[in-house]
């Protein structure tokens, strides 16, 4: 949000934000660290943080079956797989997004 604020002030050529422009720019320097922490936290705590990582939600014979999450299975997991496995699409989406953000800011 801080990088967006700075970009907006720069595009509008606003002069009032000259005194505080270093604060939102500092937010942008945190993005690579936050992205790495995001991926690490998903690998370590993903099963506790995200409801869709529980495999019982996709088993139609299970008591925990969720038809809404089962319909979104292709987004979370590999789209060609019948049963949920490693969320390859979710990992790749996060890595590509982080790569683009770091590439365009630095």
PDB file of N, CA and C in Angstrom:
ATOM      1  N   UNK A   1       0.830  -1.184   0.000  1.00  0.00           N
ATOM      2  CA  UNK A   1       0.000   0.000   0.000  1.00  0.00           C
ATOM      3  C   UNK A   1       0.871   1.242   0.000  1.00  0.00           C
ATOM      4  N   UNK A   2       1.977   1.174   0.702  1.00  0.00           N
ATOM      5  CA  UNK A   2       2.873   2.325   0.753  1.00  0.00           C
ATOM      6  C   UNK A   2       3.493   2.620  -0.604  1.00  0.00           C
ATOM      7  N   UNK A   3       3.848   1.574  -1.342  1.00  0.00           N
ATOM      8  CA  UNK A   3       4.421   1.764  -2.674  1.00  0.00           C
ATOM      9  C   UNK A   3       3.365   2.337  -3.618  1.00  0.00           C
ATOM     10  N   UNK A   4       2.120   1.885  -3.487  1.00  0.00           N
ATOM     11  CA  UNK A   4       1.036   2.437  -4.288  1.00  0.00           C
ATOM     12  C   UNK A   4       0.827   3.913  -3.962  1.00  0.00           C
ATOM     13  N   UNK A   5       0.886   4.266  -2.684  1.00  0.00           N
ATOM     14  CA  UNK A   5       0.744   5.664  -2.264  1.00  0.00           C
ATOM     15  C   UNK A   5       1.833   6.524  -2.895  1.00  0.00           C
ATOM     16  N   UNK A   6       3.063   6.047  -2.865  1.00  0.00           N
ATOM     17  CA  UNK A   6       4.154   6.803  -3.452  1.00  0.00           C
ATOM     18  C   UNK A   6       3.980   6.942  -4.962  1.00  0.00           C
ATOM     19  N   UNK A   7       3.571   5.862  -5.628  1.00  0.00           N
ATOM     20  CA  UNK A   7       3.366   5.917  -7.078  1.00  0.00           C
ATOM     21  C   UNK A   7       2.259   6.894  -7.438  1.00  0.00           C
ATOM     22  N   UNK A   8       1.209   6.924  -6.635  1.00  0.00           N
ATOM     23  CA  UNK A   8       0.112   7.853  -6.878  1.00  0.00           C
ATOM     24  C   UNK A   8       0.560   9.298  -6.689  1.00  0.00           C
ATOM     25  N   UNK A   9       1.329   9.555  -5.650  1.00  0.00           N
ATOM     26  CA  UNK A   9       1.828  10.908  -5.405  1.00  0.00           C
ATOM     27  C   UNK A   9       2.801  11.339  -6.497  1.00  0.00           C
ATOM     28  N   UNK A  10       3.598  10.415  -6.978  1.00  0.00           N
ATOM     29  CA  UNK A  10       4.549  10.713  -8.040  1.00  0.00           C
ATOM     30  C   UNK A  10       3.826  11.014  -9.354  1.00  0.00           C
ATOM     31  N   UNK A  11       2.820  10.213  -9.674  1.00  0.00           N
ATOM     32  CA  UNK A  11       2.071  10.416 -10.918  1.00  0.00           C
ATOM     33  C   UNK A  11       1.282  11.718 -10.888  1.00  0.00           C
ATOM     34  N   UNK A  12       0.773  12.079  -9.719  1.00  0.00           N
ATOM     35  CA  UNK A  12      -0.001  13.317  -9.597  1.00  0.00           C
ATOM     36  C   UNK A  12       0.894  14.539  -9.407  1.00  0.00           C
ATOM     37  N   UNK A  13       2.189  14.332  -9.265  1.00  0.00           N
ATOM     38  CA  UNK A  13       3.164  15.389  -9.003  1.00  0.00           C
ATOM     39  C   UNK A  13       2.756  16.227  -7.800  1.00  0.00           C
ATOM     40  N   UNK A  14       2.337  15.543  -6.753  1.00  0.00           N
ATOM     41  CA  UNK A  14       1.908  16.210  -5.533  1.00  0.00           C
ATOM     42  C   UNK A  14       3.137  16.659  -4.746  1.00  0.00           C
ATOM     43  N   UNK A  15       3.101  17.871  -4.279  1.00  0.00           N
ATOM     44  CA  UNK A  15       4.230  18.407  -3.533  1.00  0.00           C
ATOM     45  C   UNK A  15       4.095  18.258  -2.038  1.00  0.00           C
ATOM     46  N   UNK A  16       2.888  18.064  -1.558  1.00  0.00           N
ATOM     47  CA  UNK A  16       2.673  18.015  -0.120  1.00  0.00           C
ATOM     48  C   UNK A  16       3.289  16.784   0.518  1.00  0.00           C
ATOM     49  N   UNK A  17       3.500  15.732  -0.242  1.00  0.00           N
ATOM     50  CA  UNK A  17       3.997  14.475   0.330  1.00  0.00           C
ATOM     51  C   UNK A  17       5.517  14.365   0.301  1.00  0.00           C
ATOM     52  N   UNK A  18       6.212  15.444  -0.049  1.00  0.00           N
ATOM     53  CA  UNK A  18       7.671  15.387  -0.143  1.00  0.00           C
ATOM     54  C   UNK A  18       8.321  15.084   1.202  1.00  0.00           C
ATOM     55  N   UNK A  19       7.727  15.540   2.273  1.00  0.00           N
ATOM     56  CA  UNK A  19       8.316  15.320   3.591  1.00  0.00           C
ATOM     57  C   UNK A  19       8.150  13.911   4.122  1.00  0.00           C
ATOM     58  N   UNK A  20       7.191  13.188   3.623  1.00  0.00           N
ATOM     59  CA  UNK A  20       6.940  11.838   4.139  1.00  0.00           C
ATOM     60  C   UNK A  20       7.145  10.752   3.095  1.00  0.00           C
ATOM     61  N   UNK A  21       7.706  11.091   1.954  1.00  0.00           N
ATOM     62  CA  UNK A  21       7.800  10.088   0.886  1.00  0.00           C
ATOM     63  C   UNK A  21       8.748   8.944   1.206  1.00  0.00           C
ATOM     64  N   UNK A  22       9.678   9.133   2.114  1.00  0.00           N
ATOM     65  CA  UNK A  22      10.613   8.061   2.452  1.00  0.00           C
ATOM     66  C   UNK A  22       9.941   6.953   3.264  1.00  0.00           C
ATOM     67  N   UNK A  23       8.880   7.263   3.956  1.00  0.00           N
ATOM     68  CA  UNK A  23       8.179   6.246   4.751  1.00  0.00           C
ATOM     69  C   UNK A  23       7.513   5.211   3.854  1.00  0.00           C
ATOM     70  N   UNK A  24       6.683   5.628   2.858  1.00  0.00           N
ATOM     71  CA  UNK A  24       6.113   4.601   1.973  1.00  0.00           C
ATOM     72  C   UNK A  24       7.164   3.880   1.126  1.00  0.00           C
ATOM     73  N   UNK A  25       8.260   4.549   0.804  1.00  0.00           N
ATOM     74  CA  UNK A  25       9.320   3.869   0.062  1.00  0.00           C
ATOM     75  C   UNK A  25       9.983   2.789   0.907  1.00  0.00           C
ATOM     76  N   UNK A  26      10.059   3.000   2.199  1.00  0.00           N
ATOM     77  CA  UNK A  26      10.619   1.982   3.087  1.00  0.00           C
ATOM     78  C   UNK A  26       9.724   0.752   3.145  1.00  0.00           C
ATOM     79  N   UNK A  27       8.417   0.931   2.974  1.00  0.00           N
ATOM     80  CA  UNK A  27       7.508  -0.212   2.948  1.00  0.00           C
ATOM     81  C   UNK A  27       7.853  -1.137   1.788  1.00  0.00           C
ATOM     82  N   UNK A  28       8.245  -0.571   0.678  1.00  0.00           N
ATOM     83  CA  UNK A  28       8.594  -1.377  -0.490  1.00  0.00           C
ATOM     84  C   UNK A  28       9.826  -2.231  -0.277  1.00  0.00           C
ATOM     85  N   UNK A  29      10.746  -1.774   0.557  1.00  0.00           N
ATOM     86  CA  UNK A  29      11.942  -2.568   0.807  1.00  0.00           C
ATOM     87  C   UNK A  29      11.644  -3.797   1.659  1.00  0.00           C
ATOM     88  N   UNK A  30      10.506  -3.827   2.304  1.00  0.00           N
ATOM     89  CA  UNK A  30      10.098  -4.958   3.131  1.00  0.00           C
ATOM     90  C   UNK A  30       9.476  -6.084   2.300  1.00  0.00           C
ATOM     91  N   UNK A  31       9.060  -5.808   1.071  1.00  0.00           N
ATOM     92  CA  UNK A  31       8.338  -6.790   0.262  1.00  0.00           C
ATOM     93  C   UNK A  31       9.089  -8.102   0.019  1.00  0.00           C
ATOM     94  N   UNK A  32      10.372  -8.100  -0.322  1.00  0.00           N
ATOM     95  CA  UNK A  32      11.047  -9.397  -0.509  1.00  0.00           C
ATOM     96  C   UNK A  32      11.101 -10.223   0.782  1.00  0.00           C
ATOM     97  N   UNK A  33      11.341  -9.568   1.902  1.00  0.00           N
ATOM     98  CA  UNK A  33      11.392 -10.275   3.177  1.00  0.00           C
ATOM     99  C   UNK A  33      10.010 -10.819   3.525  1.00  0.00           C
ATOM    100  N   UNK A  34       8.980 -10.016   3.320  1.00  0.00           N
ATOM    101  CA  UNK A  34       7.614 -10.454   3.615  1.00  0.00           C
ATOM    102  C   UNK A  34       7.194 -11.604   2.709  1.00  0.00           C
ATOM    103  N   UNK A  35       7.622 -11.581   1.459  1.00  0.00           N
ATOM    104  CA  UNK A  35       7.292 -12.682   0.553  1.00  0.00           C
ATOM    105  C   UNK A  35       7.925 -13.991   0.976  1.00  0.00           C
ATOM    106  N   UNK A  36       9.171 -13.929   1.398  1.00  0.00           N
ATOM    107  CA  UNK A  36       9.836 -15.142   1.869  1.00  0.00           C
ATOM    108  C   UNK A  36       9.171 -15.644   3.144  1.00  0.00           C
ATOM    109  N   UNK A  37       8.846 -14.730   4.049  1.00  0.00           N
ATOM    110  CA  UNK A  37       8.145 -15.128   5.274  1.00  0.00           C
ATOM    111  C   UNK A  37       6.773 -15.724   4.973  1.00  0.00           C
ATOM    112  N   UNK A  38       6.114 -15.198   3.936  1.00  0.00           N
ATOM    113  CA  UNK A  38       4.819 -15.733   3.547  1.00  0.00           C
ATOM    114  C   UNK A  38       4.938 -17.185   3.094  1.00  0.00           C
ATOM    115  N   UNK A  39       5.924 -17.472   2.257  1.00  0.00           N
ATOM    116  CA  UNK A  39       6.103 -18.848   1.780  1.00  0.00           C
ATOM    117  C   UNK A  39       6.525 -19.787   2.907  1.00  0.00           C
ATOM    118  N   UNK A  40       7.420 -19.325   3.773  1.00  0.00           N
ATOM    119  CA  UNK A  40       7.853 -20.158   4.891  1.00  0.00           C
ATOM    120  C   UNK A  40       6.685 -20.446   5.830  1.00  0.00           C
ATOM    121  N   UNK A  41       5.890 -19.412   6.116  1.00  0.00           N
ATOM    122  CA  UNK A  41       4.750 -19.626   7.013  1.00  0.00           C
ATOM    123  C   UNK A  41       3.718 -20.565   6.397  1.00  0.00           C
ATOM    124  N   UNK A  42       3.585 -20.552   5.074  1.00  0.00           N
ATOM    125  CA  UNK A  42       2.663 -21.498   4.448  1.00  0.00           C
ATOM    126  C   UNK A  42       3.171 -22.920   4.572  1.00  0.00           C
ATOM    127  N   UNK A  43       4.480 -23.122   4.370  1.00  0.00           N
ATOM    128  CA  UNK A  43       5.025 -24.473   4.479  1.00  0.00           C
ATOM    129  C   UNK A  43       4.977 -24.985   5.910  1.00  0.00           C
ATOM    130  N   UNK A  44       5.204 -24.108   6.877  1.00  0.00           N
ATOM    131  CA  UNK A  44       5.277 -24.544   8.273  1.00  0.00           C
ATOM    132  C   UNK A  44       3.889 -24.634   8.909  1.00  0.00           C
ATOM    133  N   UNK A  45       3.072 -23.593   8.705  1.00  0.00           N
ATOM    134  CA  UNK A  45       1.784 -23.513   9.392  1.00  0.00           C
ATOM    135  C   UNK A  45       0.588 -23.586   8.446  1.00  0.00           C
ATOM    136  N   UNK A  46       0.800 -23.989   7.208  1.00  0.00           N
ATOM    137  CA  UNK A  46      -0.261 -23.962   6.206  1.00  0.00           C
ATOM    138  C   UNK A  46      -1.478 -24.795   6.553  1.00  0.00           C
ATOM    139  N   UNK A  47      -1.240 -25.928   7.161  1.00  0.00           N
ATOM    140  CA  UNK A  47      -2.367 -26.806   7.487  1.00  0.00           C
ATOM    141  C   UNK A  47      -3.233 -26.213   8.597  1.00  0.00           C
ATOM    142  N   UNK A  48      -2.629 -25.430   9.459  1.00  0.00           N
ATOM    143  CA  UNK A  48      -3.384 -24.783  10.532  1.00  0.00           C
ATOM    144  C   UNK A  48      -4.027 -23.474  10.096  1.00  0.00           C
ATOM    145  N   UNK A  49      -3.420 -22.783   9.151  1.00  0.00           N
ATOM    146  CA  UNK A  49      -3.926 -21.473   8.732  1.00  0.00           C
ATOM    147  C   UNK A  49      -5.012 -21.558   7.668  1.00  0.00           C
ATOM    148  N   UNK A  50      -4.888 -22.490   6.767  1.00  0.00           N
ATOM    149  CA  UNK A  50      -5.787 -22.547   5.624  1.00  0.00           C
ATOM    150  C   UNK A  50      -6.701 -23.770   5.723  1.00  0.00           C
ATOM    151  N   UNK A  51      -7.966 -23.526   5.695  1.00  0.00           N
ATOM    152  CA  UNK A  51      -8.964 -24.589   5.816  1.00  0.00           C
ATOM    153  C   UNK A  51      -8.937 -25.526   4.612  1.00  0.00           C
ATOM    154  N   UNK A  52      -8.612 -25.006   3.445  1.00  0.00           N
ATOM    155  CA  UNK A  52      -8.680 -25.797   2.226  1.00  0.00           C
ATOM    156  C   UNK A  52      -7.557 -26.812   2.098  1.00  0.00           C
ATOM    157  N   UNK A  53      -6.588 -26.813   3.006  1.00  0.00           N
ATOM    158  CA  UNK A  53      -5.504 -27.791   2.925  1.00  0.00           C
ATOM    159  C   UNK A  53      -5.857 -29.124   3.560  1.00  0.00           C
ATOM    160  N   UNK A  54      -6.978 -29.217   4.236  1.00  0.00           N
ATOM    161  CA  UNK A  54      -7.402 -30.478   4.846  1.00  0.00           C
ATOM    162  C   UNK A  54      -7.976 -31.392   3.753  1.00  0.00           C
ATOM    163  N   UNK A  55      -7.436 -32.586   3.646  1.00  0.00           N
ATOM    164  CA  UNK A  55      -7.817 -33.494   2.563  1.00  0.00           C
ATOM    165  C   UNK A  55      -9.196 -34.124   2.755  1.00  0.00           C
ATOM    166  N   UNK A  56      -9.716 -34.095   3.956  1.00  0.00           N
ATOM    167  CA  UNK A  56     -11.062 -34.648   4.181  1.00  0.00           C
ATOM    168  C   UNK A  56     -12.151 -33.816   3.511  1.00  0.00           C
ATOM    169  N   UNK A  57     -11.863 -32.576   3.201  1.00  0.00           N
ATOM    170  CA  UNK A  57     -12.856 -31.707   2.573  1.00  0.00           C
ATOM    171  C   UNK A  57     -13.177 -32.119   1.143  1.00  0.00           C
ATOM    172  N   UNK A  58     -12.293 -32.873   0.513  1.00  0.00           N
ATOM    173  CA  UNK A  58     -12.447 -33.245  -0.887  1.00  0.00           C
ATOM    174  C   UNK A  58     -12.928 -34.678  -1.076  1.00  0.00           C
ATOM    175  N   UNK A  59     -12.972 -35.430  -0.004  1.00  0.00           N
ATOM    176  CA  UNK A  59     -13.415 -36.825  -0.063  1.00  0.00           C
ATOM    177  C   UNK A  59     -14.941 -36.864   0.077  1.00  0.00           C
ATOM    178  N   UNK A  60     -15.622 -37.323  -0.959  1.00  0.00           N
ATOM    179  CA  UNK A  60     -17.092 -37.299  -0.949  1.00  0.00           C
ATOM    180  C   UNK A  60     -17.683 -38.251   0.079  1.00  0.00           C
ATOM    181  N   UNK A  61     -16.928 -39.222   0.524  1.00  0.00           N
ATOM    182  CA  UNK A  61     -17.439 -40.145   1.536  1.00  0.00           C
ATOM    183  C   UNK A  61     -17.160 -39.678   2.959  1.00  0.00           C
ATOM    184  N   UNK A  62     -16.423 -38.615   3.107  1.00  0.00           N
ATOM    185  CA  UNK A  62     -16.049 -38.127   4.435  1.00  0.00           C
ATOM    186  C   UNK A  62     -17.175 -37.289   5.050  1.00  0.00           C
ATOM    187  N   UNK A  63     -17.179 -37.248   6.356  1.00  0.00           N
ATOM    188  CA  UNK A  63     -18.140 -36.424   7.084  1.00  0.00           C
ATOM    189  C   UNK A  63     -17.828 -34.932   6.927  1.00  0.00           C
ATOM    190  N   UNK A  64     -16.570 -34.608   6.661  1.00  0.00           N
ATOM    191  CA  UNK A  64     -16.120 -33.222   6.535  1.00  0.00           C
ATOM    192  C   UNK A  64     -16.204 -32.692   5.103  1.00  0.00           C
ATOM    193  N   UNK A  65     -16.814 -33.417   4.187  1.00  0.00           N
ATOM    194  CA  UNK A  65     -16.873 -33.017   2.777  1.00  0.00           C
ATOM    195  C   UNK A  65     -17.519 -31.647   2.627  1.00  0.00           C
ATOM    196  N   UNK A  66     -16.887 -30.798   1.806  1.00  0.00           N
ATOM    197  CA  UNK A  66     -17.402 -29.453   1.541  1.00  0.00           C
ATOM    198  C   UNK A  66     -17.525 -29.283   0.029  1.00  0.00           C
ATOM    199  N   UNK A  67     -18.742 -29.163  -0.462  1.00  0.00           N
ATOM    200  CA  UNK A  67     -18.963 -29.104  -1.910  1.00  0.00           C
ATOM    201  C   UNK A  67     -18.460 -27.789  -2.515  1.00  0.00           C
ATOM    202  N   UNK A  68     -18.487 -26.720  -1.768  1.00  0.00           N
ATOM    203  CA  UNK A  68     -18.018 -25.428  -2.292  1.00  0.00           C
ATOM    204  C   UNK A  68     -16.505 -25.444  -2.485  1.00  0.00           C
ATOM    205  N   UNK A  69     -15.793 -25.917  -1.480  1.00  0.00           N
ATOM    206  CA  UNK A  69     -14.334 -25.992  -1.601  1.00  0.00           C
ATOM    207  C   UNK A  69     -13.939 -27.045  -2.627  1.00  0.00           C
ATOM    208  N   UNK A  70     -14.692 -28.112  -2.741  1.00  0.00           N
ATOM    209  CA  UNK A  70     -14.405 -29.134  -3.736  1.00  0.00           C
ATOM    210  C   UNK A  70     -14.535 -28.574  -5.155  1.00  0.00           C
ATOM    211  N   UNK A  71     -15.442 -27.645  -5.365  1.00  0.00           N
ATOM    212  CA  UNK A  71     -15.588 -27.032  -6.686  1.00  0.00           C
ATOM    213  C   UNK A  71     -14.408 -26.120  -7.021  1.00  0.00           C
ATOM    214  N   UNK A  72     -13.708 -25.635  -6.014  1.00  0.00           N
ATOM    215  CA  UNK A  72     -12.555 -24.753  -6.220  1.00  0.00           C
ATOM    216  C   UNK A  72     -11.232 -25.508  -6.153  1.00  0.00           C
ATOM    217  N   UNK A  73     -11.291 -26.815  -6.199  1.00  0.00           N
ATOM    218  CA  UNK A  73     -10.110 -27.654  -6.055  1.00  0.00           C
ATOM    219  C   UNK A  73      -9.064 -27.366  -7.124  1.00  0.00           C
ATOM    220  N   UNK A  74      -9.481 -27.056  -8.324  1.00  0.00           N
ATOM    221  CA  UNK A  74      -8.521 -26.806  -9.402  1.00  0.00           C
ATOM    222  C   UNK A  74      -7.706 -25.543  -9.158  1.00  0.00           C
ATOM    223  N   UNK A  75      -8.258 -24.607  -8.431  1.00  0.00           N
ATOM    224  CA  UNK A  75      -7.510 -23.394  -8.117  1.00  0.00           C
ATOM    225  C   UNK A  75      -6.457 -23.666  -7.049  1.00  0.00           C
ATOM    226  N   UNK A  76      -6.804 -24.425  -6.051  1.00  0.00           N
ATOM    227  CA  UNK A  76      -5.890 -24.664  -4.949  1.00  0.00           C
ATOM    228  C   UNK A  76      -4.809 -25.680  -5.288  1.00  0.00           C
ATOM    229  N   UNK A  77      -5.184 -26.747  -5.972  1.00  0.00           N
ATOM    230  CA  UNK A  77      -4.257 -27.840  -6.235  1.00  0.00           C
ATOM    231  C   UNK A  77      -3.989 -27.937  -7.728  1.00  0.00           C
ATOM    232  N   UNK A  78      -3.191 -28.904  -8.095  1.00  0.00           N
ATOM    233  CA  UNK A  78      -2.871 -29.117  -9.495  1.00  0.00           C
ATOM    234  C   UNK A  78      -4.159 -29.397 -10.260  1.00  0.00           C
ATOM    235  N   UNK A  79      -4.478 -28.623 -11.293  1.00  0.00           N
ATOM    236  CA  UNK A  79      -5.784 -28.742 -11.957  1.00  0.00           C
ATOM    237  C   UNK A  79      -6.054 -30.089 -12.611  1.00  0.00           C
ATOM    238  N   UNK A  80      -5.045 -30.814 -13.007  1.00  0.00           N
ATOM    239  CA  UNK A  80      -5.264 -32.066 -13.708  1.00  0.00           C
ATOM    240  C   UNK A  80      -5.397 -33.255 -12.773  1.00  0.00           C
ATOM    241  N   UNK A  81      -5.225 -33.021 -11.478  1.00  0.00           N
ATOM    242  CA  UNK A  81      -5.268 -34.108 -10.509  1.00  0.00           C
ATOM    243  C   UNK A  81      -6.697 -34.336 -10.028  1.00  0.00           C
ATOM    244  N   UNK A  82      -7.041 -35.581  -9.836  1.00  0.00           N
ATOM    245  CA  UNK A  82      -8.375 -35.914  -9.330  1.00  0.00           C
ATOM    246  C   UNK A  82      -8.452 -35.730  -7.820  1.00  0.00           C
ATOM    247  N   UNK A  83      -7.356 -36.069  -7.132  1.00  0.00           N
ATOM    248  CA  UNK A  83      -7.321 -35.938  -5.674  1.00  0.00           C
ATOM    249  C   UNK A  83      -6.348 -34.826  -5.301  1.00  0.00           C
ATOM    250  N   UNK A  84      -6.617 -34.104  -4.242  1.00  0.00           N
ATOM    251  CA  UNK A  84      -5.721 -33.013  -3.853  1.00  0.00           C
ATOM    252  C   UNK A  84      -4.358 -33.528  -3.429  1.00  0.00           C
ATOM    253  N   UNK A  85      -3.352 -32.844  -3.881  1.00  0.00           N
ATOM    254  CA  UNK A  85      -1.989 -33.199  -3.524  1.00  0.00           C
ATOM    255  C   UNK A  85      -1.279 -31.908  -3.116  1.00  0.00           C
ATOM    256  N   UNK A  86      -0.115 -31.669  -3.609  1.00  0.00           N
ATOM    257  CA  UNK A  86       0.603 -30.436  -3.318  1.00  0.00           C
ATOM    258  C   UNK A  86      -0.037 -29.281  -4.066  1.00  0.00           C
ATOM    259  N   UNK A  87      -0.297 -28.159  -3.402  1.00  0.00           N
ATOM    260  CA  UNK A  87      -0.929 -27.016  -4.082  1.00  0.00           C
ATOM    261  C   UNK A  87       0.053 -26.287  -4.993  1.00  0.00           C
ATOM    262  N   UNK A  88       0.375 -26.893  -6.121  1.00  0.00           N
ATOM    263  CA  UNK A  88       1.358 -26.356  -7.056  1.00  0.00           C
ATOM    264  C   UNK A  88       0.904 -25.007  -7.600  1.00  0.00           C
ATOM    265  N   UNK A  89      -0.359 -24.885  -7.941  1.00  0.00           N
ATOM    266  CA  UNK A  89      -0.853 -23.623  -8.491  1.00  0.00           C
ATOM    267  C   UNK A  89      -0.749 -22.507  -7.468  1.00  0.00           C
ATOM    268  N   UNK A  90      -1.058 -22.790  -6.219  1.00  0.00           N
ATOM    269  CA  UNK A  90      -0.986 -21.792  -5.152  1.00  0.00           C
ATOM    270  C   UNK A  90       0.457 -21.361  -4.915  1.00  0.00           C
ATOM    271  N   UNK A  91       1.381 -22.312  -4.887  1.00  0.00           N
ATOM    272  CA  UNK A  91       2.799 -21.981  -4.713  1.00  0.00           C
ATOM    273  C   UNK A  91       3.298 -21.128  -5.864  1.00  0.00           C
ATOM    274  N   UNK A  92       3.014 -21.572  -7.082  1.00  0.00           N
ATOM    275  CA  UNK A  92       3.522 -20.846  -8.250  1.00  0.00           C
ATOM    276  C   UNK A  92       2.919 -19.455  -8.356  1.00  0.00           C
ATOM    277  N   UNK A  93       1.671 -19.302  -7.994  1.00  0.00           N
ATOM    278  CA  UNK A  93       1.050 -17.984  -8.021  1.00  0.00           C
ATOM    279  C   UNK A  93       1.745 -17.039  -7.043  1.00  0.00           C
ATOM    280  N   UNK A  94       2.039 -17.509  -5.850  1.00  0.00           N
ATOM    281  CA  UNK A  94       2.710 -16.670  -4.868  1.00  0.00           C
ATOM    282  C   UNK A  94       4.131 -16.319  -5.284  1.00  0.00           C
ATOM    283  N   UNK A  95       4.858 -17.282  -5.825  1.00  0.00           N
ATOM    284  CA  UNK A  95       6.234 -17.022  -6.248  1.00  0.00           C
ATOM    285  C   UNK A  95       6.274 -16.060  -7.427  1.00  0.00           C
ATOM    286  N   UNK A  96       5.404 -16.246  -8.401  1.00  0.00           N
ATOM    287  CA  UNK A  96       5.383 -15.352  -9.567  1.00  0.00           C
ATOM    288  C   UNK A  96       4.967 -13.940  -9.165  1.00  0.00           C
ATOM    289  N   UNK A  97       3.991 -13.824  -8.297  1.00  0.00           N
ATOM    290  CA  UNK A  97       3.576 -12.505  -7.827  1.00  0.00           C
ATOM    291  C   UNK A  97       4.707 -11.812  -7.086  1.00  0.00           C
ATOM    292  N   UNK A  98       5.388 -12.524  -6.210  1.00  0.00           N
ATOM    293  CA  UNK A  98       6.511 -11.943  -5.484  1.00  0.00           C
ATOM    294  C   UNK A  98       7.627 -11.551  -6.443  1.00  0.00           C
ATOM    295  N   UNK A  99       7.894 -12.385  -7.447  1.00  0.00           N
ATOM    296  CA  UNK A  99       8.946 -12.082  -8.403  1.00  0.00           C
ATOM    297  C   UNK A  99       8.631 -10.807  -9.191  1.00  0.00           C
ATOM    298  N   UNK A 100       7.390 -10.643  -9.639  1.00  0.00           N
ATOM    299  CA  UNK A 100       7.014  -9.441 -10.371  1.00  0.00           C
ATOM    300  C   UNK A 100       7.097  -8.196  -9.498  1.00  0.00           C
ATOM    301  N   UNK A 101       6.671  -8.311  -8.265  1.00  0.00           N
ATOM    302  CA  UNK A 101       6.727  -7.153  -7.372  1.00  0.00           C
ATOM    303  C   UNK A 101       8.170  -6.731  -7.139  1.00  0.00           C
ATOM    304  N   UNK A 102       9.040  -7.677  -6.860  1.00  0.00           N
ATOM    305  CA  UNK A 102      10.441  -7.351  -6.620  1.00  0.00           C
ATOM    306  C   UNK A 102      11.091  -6.837  -7.893  1.00  0.00           C
ATOM    307  N   UNK A 103      10.751  -7.417  -9.026  1.00  0.00           N
ATOM    308  CA  UNK A 103      11.343  -6.996 -10.299  1.00  0.00           C
ATOM    309  C   UNK A 103      10.977  -5.557 -10.637  1.00  0.00           C
ATOM    310  N   UNK A 104       9.737  -5.180 -10.459  1.00  0.00           N
ATOM    311  CA  UNK A 104       9.307  -3.846 -10.864  1.00  0.00           C
ATOM    312  C   UNK A 104       9.622  -2.765  -9.833  1.00  0.00           C
ATOM    313  N   UNK A 105       9.821  -3.151  -8.580  1.00  0.00           N
ATOM    314  CA  UNK A 105      10.158  -2.142  -7.582  1.00  0.00           C
ATOM    315  C   UNK A 105      11.656  -1.879  -7.562  1.00  0.00           C
ATOM    316  N   UNK A 106      12.447  -2.939  -7.710  1.00  0.00           N
ATOM    317  CA  UNK A 106      13.889  -2.750  -7.653  1.00  0.00           C
ATOM    318  C   UNK A 106      14.402  -2.721  -9.042  1.00  0.00           C
TER     319      UNK A 106
END
